[in-house]
Amino acid sequence: MAEESNSENYARMMKESREELVNLKEQLQNLMVKFGLRALKLYQTGRNEPLKPIELASLVKYELDNAIRDLSEPDSIEAIIKQTKIEWTKQQEKP
């Protein structure tokens, strides 16, 4: 009976984990859209005419590539790991 309970708990946790992953990906995509919009606003301020559709895609791609590159730097990864450890410890201390 205990094995069945563990198996059921694991299956439930896997389902919840998948739902959480889908939600996190959506949040990340929305955040990346904000990076793109920030770049477009910045470029638009330096021009009198509207950005062309072909420019939009390349400017957003450039901004996203830079954001990803910045977050992939060893110092950024170390900061993320450190912050994650702190948050994990806080979560483990909650009753």
N, C-alpha and C. Protein backbone atom coordinates (compact mmCIF):
# COMPACT_ATOMS: atom_id res chain seq x y z
N MET A 1 0.82 -1.19 0.00
CA MET A 1 0.00 0.00 0.00
C MET A 1 0.87 1.26 0.00
N ALA A 2 1.94 1.24 0.77
CA ALA A 2 2.83 2.40 0.82
C ALA A 2 3.47 2.65 -0.53
N GLU A 3 3.83 1.58 -1.24
CA GLU A 3 4.41 1.74 -2.57
C GLU A 3 3.43 2.41 -3.52
N GLU A 4 2.18 2.01 -3.44
CA GLU A 4 1.17 2.61 -4.30
C GLU A 4 1.02 4.09 -3.97
N SER A 5 1.06 4.43 -2.71
CA SER A 5 0.96 5.81 -2.29
C SER A 5 2.13 6.63 -2.80
N ASN A 6 3.34 6.08 -2.69
CA ASN A 6 4.52 6.77 -3.21
C ASN A 6 4.43 6.95 -4.71
N SER A 7 3.95 5.93 -5.39
CA SER A 7 3.80 5.99 -6.83
C SER A 7 2.76 7.05 -7.22
N GLU A 8 1.67 7.09 -6.50
CA GLU A 8 0.63 8.08 -6.77
C GLU A 8 1.15 9.49 -6.49
N ASN A 9 1.87 9.64 -5.38
CA ASN A 9 2.45 10.94 -5.05
C ASN A 9 3.43 11.39 -6.13
N TYR A 10 4.24 10.46 -6.60
CA TYR A 10 5.22 10.78 -7.65
C TYR A 10 4.50 11.19 -8.93
N ALA A 11 3.48 10.46 -9.31
CA ALA A 11 2.73 10.78 -10.53
C ALA A 11 2.07 12.15 -10.41
N ARG A 12 1.52 12.45 -9.24
CA ARG A 12 0.89 13.74 -9.01
C ARG A 12 1.93 14.86 -9.08
N MET A 13 3.08 14.62 -8.46
CA MET A 13 4.14 15.62 -8.46
C MET A 13 4.66 15.86 -9.88
N MET A 14 4.78 14.82 -10.67
CA MET A 14 5.24 14.97 -12.06
C MET A 14 4.24 15.79 -12.87
N LYS A 15 2.95 15.55 -12.66
CA LYS A 15 1.92 16.32 -13.36
C LYS A 15 1.98 17.79 -12.96
N GLU A 16 2.10 18.04 -11.65
CA GLU A 16 2.20 19.42 -11.16
C GLU A 16 3.47 20.10 -11.68
N SER A 17 4.54 19.33 -11.74
CA SER A 17 5.81 19.87 -12.22
C SER A 17 5.70 20.27 -13.68
N ARG A 18 5.03 19.45 -14.47
CA ARG A 18 4.84 19.77 -15.90
C ARG A 18 4.01 21.03 -16.05
N GLU A 19 2.95 21.14 -15.27
CA GLU A 19 2.10 22.34 -15.33
C GLU A 19 2.89 23.58 -14.91
N GLU A 20 3.74 23.43 -13.90
CA GLU A 20 4.57 24.54 -13.45
C GLU A 20 5.56 24.94 -14.54
N LEU A 21 6.14 23.96 -15.22
CA LEU A 21 7.08 24.24 -16.31
C LEU A 21 6.40 25.01 -17.43
N VAL A 22 5.22 24.60 -17.81
CA VAL A 22 4.46 25.30 -18.86
C VAL A 22 4.21 26.74 -18.43
N ASN A 23 3.82 26.93 -17.18
CA ASN A 23 3.56 28.27 -16.66
C ASN A 23 4.83 29.12 -16.64
N LEU A 24 5.93 28.53 -16.21
CA LEU A 24 7.19 29.27 -16.17
C LEU A 24 7.66 29.66 -17.58
N LYS A 25 7.49 28.78 -18.54
CA LYS A 25 7.85 29.11 -19.92
C LYS A 25 7.02 30.28 -20.43
N GLU A 26 5.75 30.28 -20.10
CA GLU A 26 4.87 31.38 -20.51
C GLU A 26 5.32 32.69 -19.86
N GLN A 27 5.66 32.65 -18.58
CA GLN A 27 6.15 33.84 -17.89
C GLN A 27 7.46 34.34 -18.52
N LEU A 28 8.35 33.40 -18.84
CA LEU A 28 9.62 33.77 -19.45
C LEU A 28 9.40 34.40 -20.83
N GLN A 29 8.49 33.82 -21.60
CA GLN A 29 8.19 34.38 -22.92
C GLN A 29 7.65 35.80 -22.78
N ASN A 30 6.76 36.01 -21.82
CA ASN A 30 6.20 37.35 -21.60
C ASN A 30 7.30 38.33 -21.18
N LEU A 31 8.24 37.88 -20.38
CA LEU A 31 9.36 38.72 -19.97
C LEU A 31 10.24 39.06 -21.17
N MET A 32 10.48 38.10 -22.04
CA MET A 32 11.30 38.34 -23.23
C MET A 32 10.60 39.31 -24.18
N VAL A 33 9.27 39.25 -24.24
CA VAL A 33 8.51 40.23 -25.03
C VAL A 33 8.79 41.64 -24.50
N LYS A 34 8.86 41.78 -23.19
CA LYS A 34 9.15 43.09 -22.59
C LYS A 34 10.55 43.57 -22.97
N PHE A 35 11.52 42.65 -23.03
CA PHE A 35 12.85 43.01 -23.51
C PHE A 35 12.77 43.53 -24.94
N GLY A 36 12.02 42.82 -25.78
CA GLY A 36 11.87 43.23 -27.18
C GLY A 36 11.21 44.59 -27.30
N LEU A 37 10.15 44.80 -26.54
CA LEU A 37 9.45 46.09 -26.59
C LEU A 37 10.35 47.23 -26.12
N ARG A 38 11.16 46.97 -25.10
CA ARG A 38 12.09 47.98 -24.60
C ARG A 38 13.06 48.39 -25.70
N ALA A 39 13.58 47.41 -26.42
CA ALA A 39 14.51 47.69 -27.51
C ALA A 39 13.84 48.50 -28.62
N LEU A 40 12.62 48.10 -28.98
CA LEU A 40 11.91 48.82 -30.05
C LEU A 40 11.64 50.27 -29.67
N LYS A 41 11.23 50.48 -28.42
CA LYS A 41 10.99 51.86 -27.95
C LYS A 41 12.27 52.68 -28.04
N LEU A 42 13.36 52.09 -27.62
CA LEU A 42 14.64 52.78 -27.65
C LEU A 42 15.03 53.16 -29.07
N TYR A 43 14.94 52.20 -30.00
CA TYR A 43 15.31 52.48 -31.39
C TYR A 43 14.35 53.48 -32.03
N GLN A 44 13.07 53.40 -31.67
CA GLN A 44 12.08 54.29 -32.27
C GLN A 44 12.32 55.75 -31.86
N THR A 45 12.82 55.98 -30.65
CA THR A 45 13.04 57.35 -30.19
C THR A 45 14.09 58.08 -31.02
N GLY A 46 14.97 57.34 -31.64
CA GLY A 46 16.01 57.96 -32.46
C GLY A 46 15.62 58.15 -33.92
N ARG A 47 14.36 57.89 -34.25
CA ARG A 47 13.92 57.98 -35.65
C ARG A 47 12.64 58.78 -35.76
N ASN A 48 12.49 59.43 -36.91
CA ASN A 48 11.27 60.18 -37.17
C ASN A 48 10.19 59.31 -37.81
N GLU A 49 10.59 58.29 -38.58
CA GLU A 49 9.62 57.43 -39.23
C GLU A 49 9.47 56.12 -38.45
N PRO A 50 8.32 55.46 -38.58
CA PRO A 50 8.09 54.20 -37.86
C PRO A 50 9.09 53.12 -38.31
N LEU A 51 9.38 52.24 -37.38
CA LEU A 51 10.23 51.10 -37.73
C LEU A 51 9.52 50.22 -38.76
N LYS A 52 10.28 49.68 -39.68
CA LYS A 52 9.73 48.79 -40.69
C LYS A 52 9.62 47.37 -40.12
N PRO A 53 8.66 46.59 -40.64
CA PRO A 53 8.47 45.22 -40.13
C PRO A 53 9.77 44.39 -40.14
N ILE A 54 10.57 44.52 -41.16
CA ILE A 54 11.82 43.75 -41.23
C ILE A 54 12.78 44.19 -40.13
N GLU A 55 12.74 45.47 -39.79
CA GLU A 55 13.59 45.99 -38.72
C GLU A 55 13.13 45.46 -37.35
N LEU A 56 11.83 45.36 -37.18
CA LEU A 56 11.29 44.89 -35.91
C LEU A 56 11.87 43.53 -35.54
N ALA A 57 11.79 42.61 -36.47
CA ALA A 57 12.26 41.25 -36.19
C ALA A 57 13.75 41.22 -35.86
N SER A 58 14.55 41.92 -36.63
CA SER A 58 15.99 41.88 -36.38
C SER A 58 16.36 42.59 -35.09
N LEU A 59 15.69 43.69 -34.76
CA LEU A 59 15.97 44.39 -33.51
C LEU A 59 15.59 43.55 -32.30
N VAL A 60 14.43 42.91 -32.37
CA VAL A 60 14.00 42.06 -31.26
C VAL A 60 14.94 40.86 -31.11
N LYS A 61 15.31 40.24 -32.23
CA LYS A 61 16.24 39.10 -32.17
C LYS A 61 17.57 39.52 -31.55
N TYR A 62 18.07 40.66 -31.95
CA TYR A 62 19.34 41.18 -31.41
C TYR A 62 19.23 41.38 -29.90
N GLU A 63 18.13 41.99 -29.46
CA GLU A 63 17.92 42.24 -28.03
C GLU A 63 17.82 40.93 -27.24
N LEU A 64 17.06 39.98 -27.77
CA LEU A 64 16.91 38.70 -27.08
C LEU A 64 18.23 37.93 -27.02
N ASP A 65 18.95 37.93 -28.12
CA ASP A 65 20.27 37.27 -28.13
C ASP A 65 21.19 37.87 -27.07
N ASN A 66 21.17 39.20 -26.95
CA ASN A 66 22.02 39.85 -25.95
C ASN A 66 21.58 39.53 -24.53
N ALA A 67 20.28 39.51 -24.29
CA ALA A 67 19.77 39.19 -22.95
C ALA A 67 20.16 37.76 -22.56
N ILE A 68 19.99 36.85 -23.50
CA ILE A 68 20.35 35.44 -23.24
C ILE A 68 21.85 35.31 -23.01
N ARG A 69 22.63 35.99 -23.82
CA ARG A 69 24.09 35.95 -23.67
C ARG A 69 24.51 36.49 -22.31
N ASP A 70 23.90 37.62 -21.91
CA ASP A 70 24.22 38.21 -20.61
C ASP A 70 23.91 37.25 -19.46
N LEU A 71 22.75 36.61 -19.53
CA LEU A 71 22.36 35.68 -18.47
C LEU A 71 23.18 34.40 -18.48
N SER A 72 23.83 34.11 -19.60
CA SER A 72 24.65 32.91 -19.72
C SER A 72 26.08 33.12 -19.25
N GLU A 73 26.43 34.35 -18.92
CA GLU A 73 27.77 34.64 -18.42
C GLU A 73 27.98 33.91 -17.09
N PRO A 74 29.19 33.44 -16.84
CA PRO A 74 29.46 32.72 -15.59
C PRO A 74 29.05 33.49 -14.32
N ASP A 75 29.30 34.79 -14.28
CA ASP A 75 28.92 35.57 -13.10
C ASP A 75 27.40 35.59 -12.91
N SER A 76 26.66 35.69 -14.00
CA SER A 76 25.19 35.68 -13.91
C SER A 76 24.69 34.32 -13.45
N ILE A 77 25.28 33.27 -13.99
CA ILE A 77 24.87 31.92 -13.60
C ILE A 77 25.17 31.69 -12.12
N GLU A 78 26.33 32.13 -11.66
CA GLU A 78 26.69 31.98 -10.24
C GLU A 78 25.71 32.75 -9.36
N ALA A 79 25.32 33.95 -9.78
CA ALA A 79 24.35 34.74 -9.00
C ALA A 79 23.00 34.04 -8.95
N ILE A 80 22.60 33.44 -10.04
CA ILE A 80 21.32 32.71 -10.09
C ILE A 80 21.39 31.49 -9.18
N ILE A 81 22.51 30.77 -9.23
CA ILE A 81 22.68 29.60 -8.36
C ILE A 81 22.63 30.02 -6.89
N LYS A 82 23.34 31.07 -6.55
CA LYS A 82 23.37 31.55 -5.17
C LYS A 82 21.96 31.93 -4.70
N GLN A 83 21.25 32.70 -5.52
CA GLN A 83 19.91 33.12 -5.16
C GLN A 83 18.97 31.93 -5.04
N THR A 84 19.12 30.96 -5.93
CA THR A 84 18.28 29.76 -5.90
C THR A 84 18.52 28.99 -4.61
N LYS A 85 19.78 28.84 -4.20
CA LYS A 85 20.10 28.14 -2.95
C LYS A 85 19.46 28.84 -1.76
N ILE A 86 19.52 30.16 -1.75
CA ILE A 86 18.91 30.94 -0.65
C ILE A 86 17.41 30.70 -0.62
N GLU A 87 16.76 30.78 -1.78
CA GLU A 87 15.31 30.57 -1.84
C GLU A 87 14.93 29.14 -1.45
N TRP A 88 15.73 28.19 -1.88
CA TRP A 88 15.47 26.78 -1.53
C TRP A 88 15.55 26.59 -0.02
N THR A 89 16.56 27.16 0.59
CA THR A 89 16.73 27.06 2.04
C THR A 89 15.54 27.68 2.76
N LYS A 90 15.09 28.83 2.30
CA LYS A 90 13.92 29.48 2.91
C LYS A 90 12.69 28.59 2.79
N GLN A 91 12.50 27.97 1.63
CA GLN A 91 11.34 27.11 1.42
C GLN A 91 11.39 25.88 2.31
N GLN A 92 12.59 25.35 2.54
CA GLN A 92 12.74 24.15 3.36
C GLN A 92 12.50 24.43 4.84
N GLU A 93 12.68 25.68 5.23
CA GLU A 93 12.51 26.06 6.63
C GLU A 93 11.04 26.31 6.98
N LYS A 94 10.20 26.51 5.98
CA LYS A 94 8.78 26.76 6.24
C LYS A 94 8.12 25.48 6.76
N PRO A 95 7.22 25.63 7.75
CA PRO A 95 6.54 24.44 8.31
C PRO A 95 5.55 23.83 7.35
